[in-house]
N, C-alpha and C. Protein backbone atom coordinates (compact mmCIF):
# COMPACT_ATOMS: atom_id res chain seq x y z
N UNK A 1 -1.68 -18.33 -17.71
CA UNK A 1 -1.62 -17.28 -16.71
C UNK A 1 -2.27 -16.02 -17.31
N UNK A 2 -3.05 -15.32 -16.48
CA UNK A 2 -3.76 -14.13 -16.95
C UNK A 2 -2.79 -12.97 -17.20
N UNK A 3 -3.27 -11.97 -17.94
CA UNK A 3 -2.47 -10.77 -18.20
C UNK A 3 -2.10 -10.06 -16.90
N UNK A 4 -3.06 -10.01 -15.99
CA UNK A 4 -2.82 -9.35 -14.71
C UNK A 4 -1.74 -10.10 -13.92
N UNK A 5 -1.83 -11.41 -13.88
CA UNK A 5 -0.82 -12.22 -13.16
C UNK A 5 0.55 -12.07 -13.81
N UNK A 6 0.59 -12.04 -15.14
CA UNK A 6 1.86 -11.85 -15.85
C UNK A 6 2.46 -10.49 -15.55
N UNK A 7 1.60 -9.46 -15.50
CA UNK A 7 2.07 -8.12 -15.19
C UNK A 7 2.66 -8.05 -13.79
N UNK A 8 1.98 -8.69 -12.83
CA UNK A 8 2.46 -8.70 -11.45
C UNK A 8 3.80 -9.43 -11.37
N UNK A 9 3.90 -10.53 -12.07
CA UNK A 9 5.16 -11.29 -12.08
C UNK A 9 6.29 -10.43 -12.66
N UNK A 10 6.02 -9.73 -13.75
CA UNK A 10 7.03 -8.86 -14.36
C UNK A 10 7.41 -7.71 -13.45
N UNK A 11 6.43 -7.15 -12.75
CA UNK A 11 6.70 -6.05 -11.83
C UNK A 11 7.58 -6.50 -10.68
N UNK A 12 7.29 -7.66 -10.10
CA UNK A 12 8.11 -8.16 -8.99
C UNK A 12 9.52 -8.48 -9.46
N UNK A 13 9.67 -8.97 -10.69
CA UNK A 13 11.01 -9.20 -11.26
C UNK A 13 11.77 -7.88 -11.39
N UNK A 14 11.06 -6.85 -11.82
CA UNK A 14 11.66 -5.52 -11.96
C UNK A 14 12.13 -5.00 -10.60
N UNK A 15 11.31 -5.21 -9.57
CA UNK A 15 11.71 -4.79 -8.23
C UNK A 15 12.99 -5.50 -7.77
N UNK A 16 13.09 -6.80 -8.09
CA UNK A 16 14.30 -7.55 -7.74
C UNK A 16 15.52 -6.97 -8.45
N UNK A 17 15.35 -6.62 -9.72
CA UNK A 17 16.46 -6.03 -10.49
C UNK A 17 16.88 -4.68 -9.93
N UNK A 18 15.93 -3.97 -9.34
CA UNK A 18 16.22 -2.66 -8.75
C UNK A 18 16.76 -2.78 -7.33
N UNK A 19 16.99 -4.01 -6.89
CA UNK A 19 17.50 -4.28 -5.54
C UNK A 19 16.58 -3.74 -4.44
N UNK A 20 15.29 -3.91 -4.62
CA UNK A 20 14.35 -3.54 -3.56
C UNK A 20 14.62 -4.43 -2.35
N UNK A 21 14.32 -3.93 -1.18
CA UNK A 21 14.58 -4.72 0.03
C UNK A 21 13.74 -5.99 0.02
N UNK A 22 14.22 -6.98 0.72
CA UNK A 22 13.48 -8.25 0.77
C UNK A 22 12.13 -8.06 1.44
N UNK A 23 12.04 -7.11 2.38
CA UNK A 23 10.77 -6.83 3.04
C UNK A 23 9.77 -6.23 2.05
N UNK A 24 10.24 -5.31 1.22
CA UNK A 24 9.37 -4.73 0.19
C UNK A 24 8.92 -5.81 -0.78
N UNK A 25 9.85 -6.64 -1.21
CA UNK A 25 9.49 -7.72 -2.14
C UNK A 25 8.45 -8.65 -1.54
N UNK A 26 8.68 -9.06 -0.30
CA UNK A 26 7.75 -9.98 0.36
C UNK A 26 6.38 -9.33 0.53
N UNK A 27 6.36 -8.10 1.03
CA UNK A 27 5.08 -7.44 1.28
C UNK A 27 4.34 -7.10 -0.01
N UNK A 28 5.05 -6.59 -1.01
CA UNK A 28 4.39 -6.27 -2.28
C UNK A 28 3.90 -7.54 -2.97
N UNK A 29 4.68 -8.62 -2.90
CA UNK A 29 4.23 -9.88 -3.50
C UNK A 29 2.95 -10.35 -2.84
N UNK A 30 2.89 -10.27 -1.52
CA UNK A 30 1.69 -10.67 -0.79
C UNK A 30 0.51 -9.75 -1.11
N UNK A 31 0.76 -8.45 -1.10
CA UNK A 31 -0.30 -7.48 -1.39
C UNK A 31 -0.86 -7.65 -2.79
N UNK A 32 0.03 -7.85 -3.76
CA UNK A 32 -0.42 -7.99 -5.15
C UNK A 32 -1.08 -9.35 -5.39
N UNK A 33 -0.66 -10.39 -4.65
CA UNK A 33 -1.34 -11.69 -4.76
C UNK A 33 -2.77 -11.56 -4.24
N UNK A 34 -2.96 -10.82 -3.17
CA UNK A 34 -4.31 -10.59 -2.63
C UNK A 34 -5.12 -9.73 -3.60
N UNK A 35 -4.48 -8.76 -4.21
CA UNK A 35 -5.14 -7.92 -5.22
C UNK A 35 -5.62 -8.80 -6.39
N UNK A 36 -4.74 -9.67 -6.86
CA UNK A 36 -5.09 -10.57 -7.96
C UNK A 36 -6.24 -11.49 -7.55
N UNK A 37 -6.18 -12.00 -6.33
CA UNK A 37 -7.24 -12.89 -5.84
C UNK A 37 -8.58 -12.17 -5.78
N UNK A 38 -8.58 -10.92 -5.34
CA UNK A 38 -9.82 -10.15 -5.27
C UNK A 38 -10.45 -10.03 -6.66
N UNK A 39 -9.63 -9.81 -7.68
CA UNK A 39 -10.15 -9.60 -9.03
C UNK A 39 -10.28 -10.89 -9.83
N UNK A 40 -10.07 -12.05 -9.20
CA UNK A 40 -10.18 -13.34 -9.89
C UNK A 40 -11.45 -14.05 -9.46
N UNK A 41 -12.51 -13.93 -10.25
CA UNK A 41 -13.74 -14.63 -9.91
C UNK A 41 -13.56 -16.14 -10.06
N UNK A 42 -14.37 -16.93 -9.36
CA UNK A 42 -14.25 -18.39 -9.48
C UNK A 42 -14.42 -18.85 -10.92
N UNK A 43 -13.55 -19.72 -11.33
CA UNK A 43 -13.58 -20.34 -12.67
C UNK A 43 -13.59 -19.32 -13.81
N UNK A 44 -12.93 -18.18 -13.60
CA UNK A 44 -12.84 -17.17 -14.66
C UNK A 44 -11.52 -16.42 -14.52
N UNK A 45 -11.13 -15.79 -15.59
CA UNK A 45 -9.92 -14.99 -15.60
C UNK A 45 -10.19 -13.62 -14.97
N UNK A 46 -9.20 -13.05 -14.30
CA UNK A 46 -9.38 -11.66 -13.83
C UNK A 46 -9.39 -10.72 -15.04
N UNK A 47 -9.87 -9.51 -14.85
CA UNK A 47 -9.88 -8.57 -15.98
C UNK A 47 -8.45 -8.25 -16.41
N UNK A 48 -8.32 -7.88 -17.67
CA UNK A 48 -7.02 -7.43 -18.16
C UNK A 48 -6.67 -6.12 -17.45
N UNK A 49 -5.40 -5.84 -17.25
CA UNK A 49 -5.01 -4.63 -16.51
C UNK A 49 -5.65 -3.34 -17.05
N UNK A 50 -5.79 -3.23 -18.38
CA UNK A 50 -6.37 -2.00 -18.94
C UNK A 50 -7.86 -1.86 -18.65
N UNK A 51 -8.50 -2.93 -18.17
CA UNK A 51 -9.93 -2.87 -17.84
C UNK A 51 -10.17 -2.50 -16.38
N UNK A 52 -9.11 -2.43 -15.61
CA UNK A 52 -9.24 -2.03 -14.21
C UNK A 52 -9.18 -0.51 -14.14
N UNK A 53 -10.24 0.08 -13.64
CA UNK A 53 -10.31 1.54 -13.56
C UNK A 53 -10.42 1.99 -12.10
N UNK A 54 -10.52 3.29 -11.90
CA UNK A 54 -10.57 3.84 -10.55
C UNK A 54 -11.80 3.35 -9.77
N UNK A 55 -12.90 3.12 -10.46
CA UNK A 55 -14.11 2.64 -9.79
C UNK A 55 -13.88 1.24 -9.22
N UNK A 56 -13.29 0.36 -10.02
CA UNK A 56 -12.99 -0.99 -9.52
C UNK A 56 -12.00 -0.93 -8.37
N UNK A 57 -11.02 -0.05 -8.47
CA UNK A 57 -10.03 0.07 -7.40
C UNK A 57 -10.67 0.61 -6.12
N UNK A 58 -11.64 1.52 -6.25
CA UNK A 58 -12.34 2.02 -5.06
C UNK A 58 -13.15 0.90 -4.41
N UNK A 59 -13.75 0.04 -5.23
CA UNK A 59 -14.49 -1.11 -4.68
C UNK A 59 -13.53 -2.03 -3.92
N UNK A 60 -12.35 -2.24 -4.48
CA UNK A 60 -11.33 -3.07 -3.81
C UNK A 60 -10.93 -2.43 -2.48
N UNK A 61 -10.68 -1.10 -2.48
CA UNK A 61 -10.34 -0.41 -1.24
C UNK A 61 -11.46 -0.53 -0.21
N UNK A 62 -12.69 -0.40 -0.66
CA UNK A 62 -13.83 -0.53 0.26
C UNK A 62 -13.86 -1.92 0.88
N UNK A 63 -13.54 -2.94 0.10
CA UNK A 63 -13.53 -4.30 0.65
C UNK A 63 -12.44 -4.43 1.72
N UNK A 64 -11.32 -3.73 1.54
CA UNK A 64 -10.26 -3.77 2.55
C UNK A 64 -10.73 -3.09 3.84
N UNK A 65 -11.42 -1.95 3.70
CA UNK A 65 -11.96 -1.25 4.87
C UNK A 65 -12.97 -2.14 5.60
N UNK A 66 -13.88 -2.74 4.84
CA UNK A 66 -14.95 -3.54 5.44
C UNK A 66 -14.42 -4.82 6.09
N UNK A 67 -13.26 -5.28 5.66
CA UNK A 67 -12.67 -6.47 6.28
C UNK A 67 -11.99 -6.12 7.60
N UNK A 68 -11.94 -4.83 7.94
CA UNK A 68 -11.36 -4.40 9.20
C UNK A 68 -9.85 -4.27 9.18
N UNK A 69 -9.28 -4.20 8.00
CA UNK A 69 -7.82 -4.08 7.88
C UNK A 69 -7.35 -2.74 8.43
N UNK A 70 -6.20 -2.75 9.06
CA UNK A 70 -5.59 -1.56 9.63
C UNK A 70 -5.31 -0.53 8.52
N UNK A 71 -5.57 0.76 8.77
CA UNK A 71 -5.31 1.78 7.74
C UNK A 71 -3.87 1.79 7.23
N UNK A 72 -2.91 1.48 8.09
CA UNK A 72 -1.51 1.44 7.63
C UNK A 72 -1.29 0.31 6.62
N UNK A 73 -1.96 -0.81 6.83
CA UNK A 73 -1.86 -1.92 5.87
C UNK A 73 -2.53 -1.56 4.55
N UNK A 74 -3.66 -0.87 4.64
CA UNK A 74 -4.35 -0.44 3.42
C UNK A 74 -3.47 0.54 2.65
N UNK A 75 -2.80 1.44 3.36
CA UNK A 75 -1.88 2.38 2.70
C UNK A 75 -0.79 1.64 1.94
N UNK A 76 -0.21 0.60 2.57
CA UNK A 76 0.85 -0.16 1.91
C UNK A 76 0.32 -0.89 0.68
N UNK A 77 -0.85 -1.51 0.81
CA UNK A 77 -1.44 -2.22 -0.33
C UNK A 77 -1.71 -1.26 -1.49
N UNK A 78 -2.22 -0.08 -1.17
CA UNK A 78 -2.47 0.92 -2.21
C UNK A 78 -1.17 1.38 -2.84
N UNK A 79 -0.13 1.54 -2.04
CA UNK A 79 1.19 1.92 -2.59
C UNK A 79 1.69 0.84 -3.54
N UNK A 80 1.51 -0.42 -3.19
CA UNK A 80 1.94 -1.52 -4.06
C UNK A 80 1.18 -1.48 -5.39
N UNK A 81 -0.13 -1.26 -5.32
CA UNK A 81 -0.95 -1.23 -6.54
C UNK A 81 -0.62 -0.01 -7.38
N UNK A 82 -0.41 1.14 -6.75
CA UNK A 82 -0.02 2.34 -7.51
C UNK A 82 1.29 2.10 -8.24
N UNK A 83 2.25 1.55 -7.53
CA UNK A 83 3.56 1.29 -8.12
C UNK A 83 3.46 0.26 -9.24
N UNK A 84 2.64 -0.77 -9.04
CA UNK A 84 2.44 -1.79 -10.07
C UNK A 84 1.87 -1.15 -11.34
N UNK A 85 0.84 -0.31 -11.19
CA UNK A 85 0.24 0.31 -12.37
C UNK A 85 1.18 1.31 -13.03
N UNK A 86 2.03 1.96 -12.24
CA UNK A 86 3.03 2.86 -12.84
C UNK A 86 3.99 2.04 -13.70
N UNK A 87 4.37 0.87 -13.21
CA UNK A 87 5.21 -0.05 -14.00
C UNK A 87 4.48 -0.43 -15.29
N UNK A 88 3.18 -0.73 -15.18
CA UNK A 88 2.41 -1.12 -16.36
C UNK A 88 2.33 0.03 -17.37
N UNK A 89 2.28 1.27 -16.90
CA UNK A 89 2.31 2.43 -17.81
C UNK A 89 3.65 2.48 -18.52
N UNK A 90 4.75 2.31 -17.77
CA UNK A 90 6.09 2.33 -18.39
C UNK A 90 6.25 1.21 -19.41
N UNK A 91 5.63 0.06 -19.14
CA UNK A 91 5.70 -1.07 -20.07
C UNK A 91 4.69 -0.95 -21.20
N UNK A 92 3.91 0.11 -21.20
CA UNK A 92 2.88 0.37 -22.20
C UNK A 92 1.78 -0.70 -22.23
N UNK A 93 1.56 -1.33 -21.08
CA UNK A 93 0.48 -2.32 -20.96
C UNK A 93 -0.85 -1.63 -20.66
N UNK A 94 -0.77 -0.44 -20.05
CA UNK A 94 -1.96 0.39 -19.81
C UNK A 94 -1.61 1.82 -20.19
N UNK A 95 -2.63 2.58 -20.54
CA UNK A 95 -2.38 3.97 -20.98
C UNK A 95 -2.21 4.92 -19.80
N UNK A 96 -2.98 4.71 -18.74
CA UNK A 96 -2.91 5.57 -17.57
C UNK A 96 -2.92 4.72 -16.31
N UNK A 97 -2.43 5.32 -15.23
CA UNK A 97 -2.42 4.65 -13.93
C UNK A 97 -3.74 4.96 -13.22
N UNK A 98 -4.66 4.00 -13.14
CA UNK A 98 -5.95 4.28 -12.52
C UNK A 98 -5.85 4.52 -11.01
N UNK A 99 -4.77 4.08 -10.39
CA UNK A 99 -4.62 4.21 -8.94
C UNK A 99 -4.14 5.59 -8.53
N UNK A 100 -3.66 6.38 -9.48
CA UNK A 100 -3.12 7.70 -9.12
C UNK A 100 -4.18 8.65 -8.62
N UNK A 101 -5.44 8.43 -8.94
CA UNK A 101 -6.51 9.33 -8.52
C UNK A 101 -7.10 8.95 -7.16
N UNK A 102 -6.70 7.82 -6.62
CA UNK A 102 -7.25 7.38 -5.35
C UNK A 102 -6.60 8.11 -4.19
N UNK A 103 -7.40 8.47 -3.21
CA UNK A 103 -6.88 9.13 -2.02
C UNK A 103 -6.30 8.08 -1.07
N UNK A 104 -5.17 8.41 -0.50
CA UNK A 104 -4.53 7.52 0.46
C UNK A 104 -5.22 7.67 1.80
N UNK A 105 -5.58 6.55 2.44
CA UNK A 105 -6.20 6.65 3.77
C UNK A 105 -5.27 7.35 4.75
N UNK A 106 -5.85 8.12 5.64
CA UNK A 106 -5.04 8.81 6.65
C UNK A 106 -4.53 7.80 7.66
N UNK A 107 -3.29 8.00 8.06
CA UNK A 107 -2.71 7.16 9.11
C UNK A 107 -3.24 7.63 10.45
N UNK A 108 -3.51 6.70 11.34
CA UNK A 108 -3.99 7.12 12.66
C UNK A 108 -2.90 7.85 13.43
N UNK A 109 -3.30 8.81 14.23
CA UNK A 109 -2.34 9.52 15.08
C UNK A 109 -2.11 8.68 16.32
N UNK A 110 -0.86 8.38 16.59
CA UNK A 110 -0.52 7.58 17.75
C UNK A 110 -0.25 8.49 18.94
N UNK A 111 -0.72 8.09 20.08
CA UNK A 111 -0.52 8.87 21.30
C UNK A 111 0.24 8.04 22.32
N UNK A 112 0.96 8.72 23.18
CA UNK A 112 1.67 8.06 24.26
C UNK A 112 1.66 9.01 25.45
N UNK A 113 1.92 8.49 26.63
CA UNK A 113 1.98 9.34 27.81
C UNK A 113 3.42 9.45 28.28
N UNK A 114 3.78 10.63 28.72
CA UNK A 114 5.14 10.81 29.23
C UNK A 114 5.17 10.47 30.72
N UNK A 115 6.30 10.68 31.36
CA UNK A 115 6.46 10.27 32.76
C UNK A 115 5.52 11.02 33.70
N UNK A 116 5.06 12.19 33.32
CA UNK A 116 4.13 12.93 34.19
C UNK A 116 2.68 12.58 33.88
N UNK A 117 2.46 11.65 32.95
CA UNK A 117 1.10 11.23 32.62
C UNK A 117 0.42 12.09 31.58
N UNK A 118 1.12 13.08 31.04
CA UNK A 118 0.54 13.93 30.01
C UNK A 118 0.56 13.19 28.67
N UNK A 119 -0.50 13.32 27.92
CA UNK A 119 -0.58 12.65 26.62
C UNK A 119 0.13 13.50 25.57
N UNK A 120 0.94 12.85 24.78
CA UNK A 120 1.68 13.49 23.69
C UNK A 120 1.40 12.74 22.39
N UNK A 121 1.49 13.45 21.30
CA UNK A 121 1.39 12.83 19.98
C UNK A 121 2.73 12.21 19.63
N UNK A 122 2.70 11.10 18.89
CA UNK A 122 3.95 10.46 18.47
C UNK A 122 4.72 11.35 17.51
N UNK A 123 4.05 12.36 16.93
CA UNK A 123 4.75 13.25 16.02
C UNK A 123 5.43 14.40 16.77
N UNK A 124 5.17 14.52 18.07
CA UNK A 124 5.80 15.55 18.88
C UNK A 124 7.29 15.27 18.99
N UNK A 125 8.10 16.29 18.90
CA UNK A 125 9.55 16.15 19.02
C UNK A 125 10.06 17.06 20.12
N UNK A 126 10.95 16.53 20.93
CA UNK A 126 11.57 17.31 22.01
C UNK A 126 12.47 18.36 21.38
N UNK A 127 12.38 19.59 21.86
CA UNK A 127 13.17 20.68 21.28
C UNK A 127 14.65 20.59 21.65
N UNK A 128 14.99 19.83 22.70
CA UNK A 128 16.40 19.74 23.07
C UNK A 128 17.11 18.54 22.46
N UNK A 129 16.41 17.41 22.29
CA UNK A 129 17.11 16.24 21.76
C UNK A 129 16.50 15.70 20.47
N UNK A 130 15.38 16.26 20.02
CA UNK A 130 14.70 15.91 18.77
C UNK A 130 14.24 14.46 18.71
N UNK A 131 13.98 13.86 19.85
CA UNK A 131 13.40 12.52 19.87
C UNK A 131 11.93 12.62 20.19
N UNK A 132 11.22 11.54 19.97
CA UNK A 132 9.79 11.53 20.25
C UNK A 132 9.57 10.79 21.57
N UNK A 133 8.73 9.79 21.52
CA UNK A 133 8.33 9.06 22.73
C UNK A 133 9.52 8.61 23.55
N UNK A 134 9.39 8.75 24.84
CA UNK A 134 10.42 8.25 25.74
C UNK A 134 11.49 9.24 26.10
N UNK A 135 11.40 10.47 25.66
CA UNK A 135 12.41 11.48 25.97
C UNK A 135 12.35 11.83 27.44
N UNK A 136 13.48 11.85 28.12
CA UNK A 136 13.53 12.15 29.55
C UNK A 136 13.14 13.59 29.83
N UNK A 137 13.41 14.49 28.92
CA UNK A 137 13.10 15.90 29.15
C UNK A 137 11.66 16.26 28.77
N UNK A 138 10.87 15.26 28.37
CA UNK A 138 9.49 15.51 27.91
C UNK A 138 8.50 15.61 29.04
N UNK A 139 8.95 15.53 30.28
CA UNK A 139 7.99 15.53 31.39
C UNK A 139 7.40 16.88 31.67
């Protein structure tokens, strides 16, 4: 097993010990498996974690964009990789977290229409009940 795969395995074990939710475990395991697959060329080992730098991570992010992945999914995958590399820093497997310098993609603004047909942002909050979409007083 490669150093990168071993690191991912150790990180997921650490998350289990920290009682991370099963959804986080499932999603991070999937995200990091895809990350490992991206960096695993055919019939060769992926690079060691200390050889992965911000430039390689930007190339990986670009591949996610070009595949048409939703920005919210890209944000989660980047969060998983950032957290993984932070774990690797704590374990002294890498000197610095190369993912910390990457910009997080902006989340799309969601819009909805109220009962009068006016468009509202999902971040809008009703001043009387502090709810968003679907508020009866939002008309």
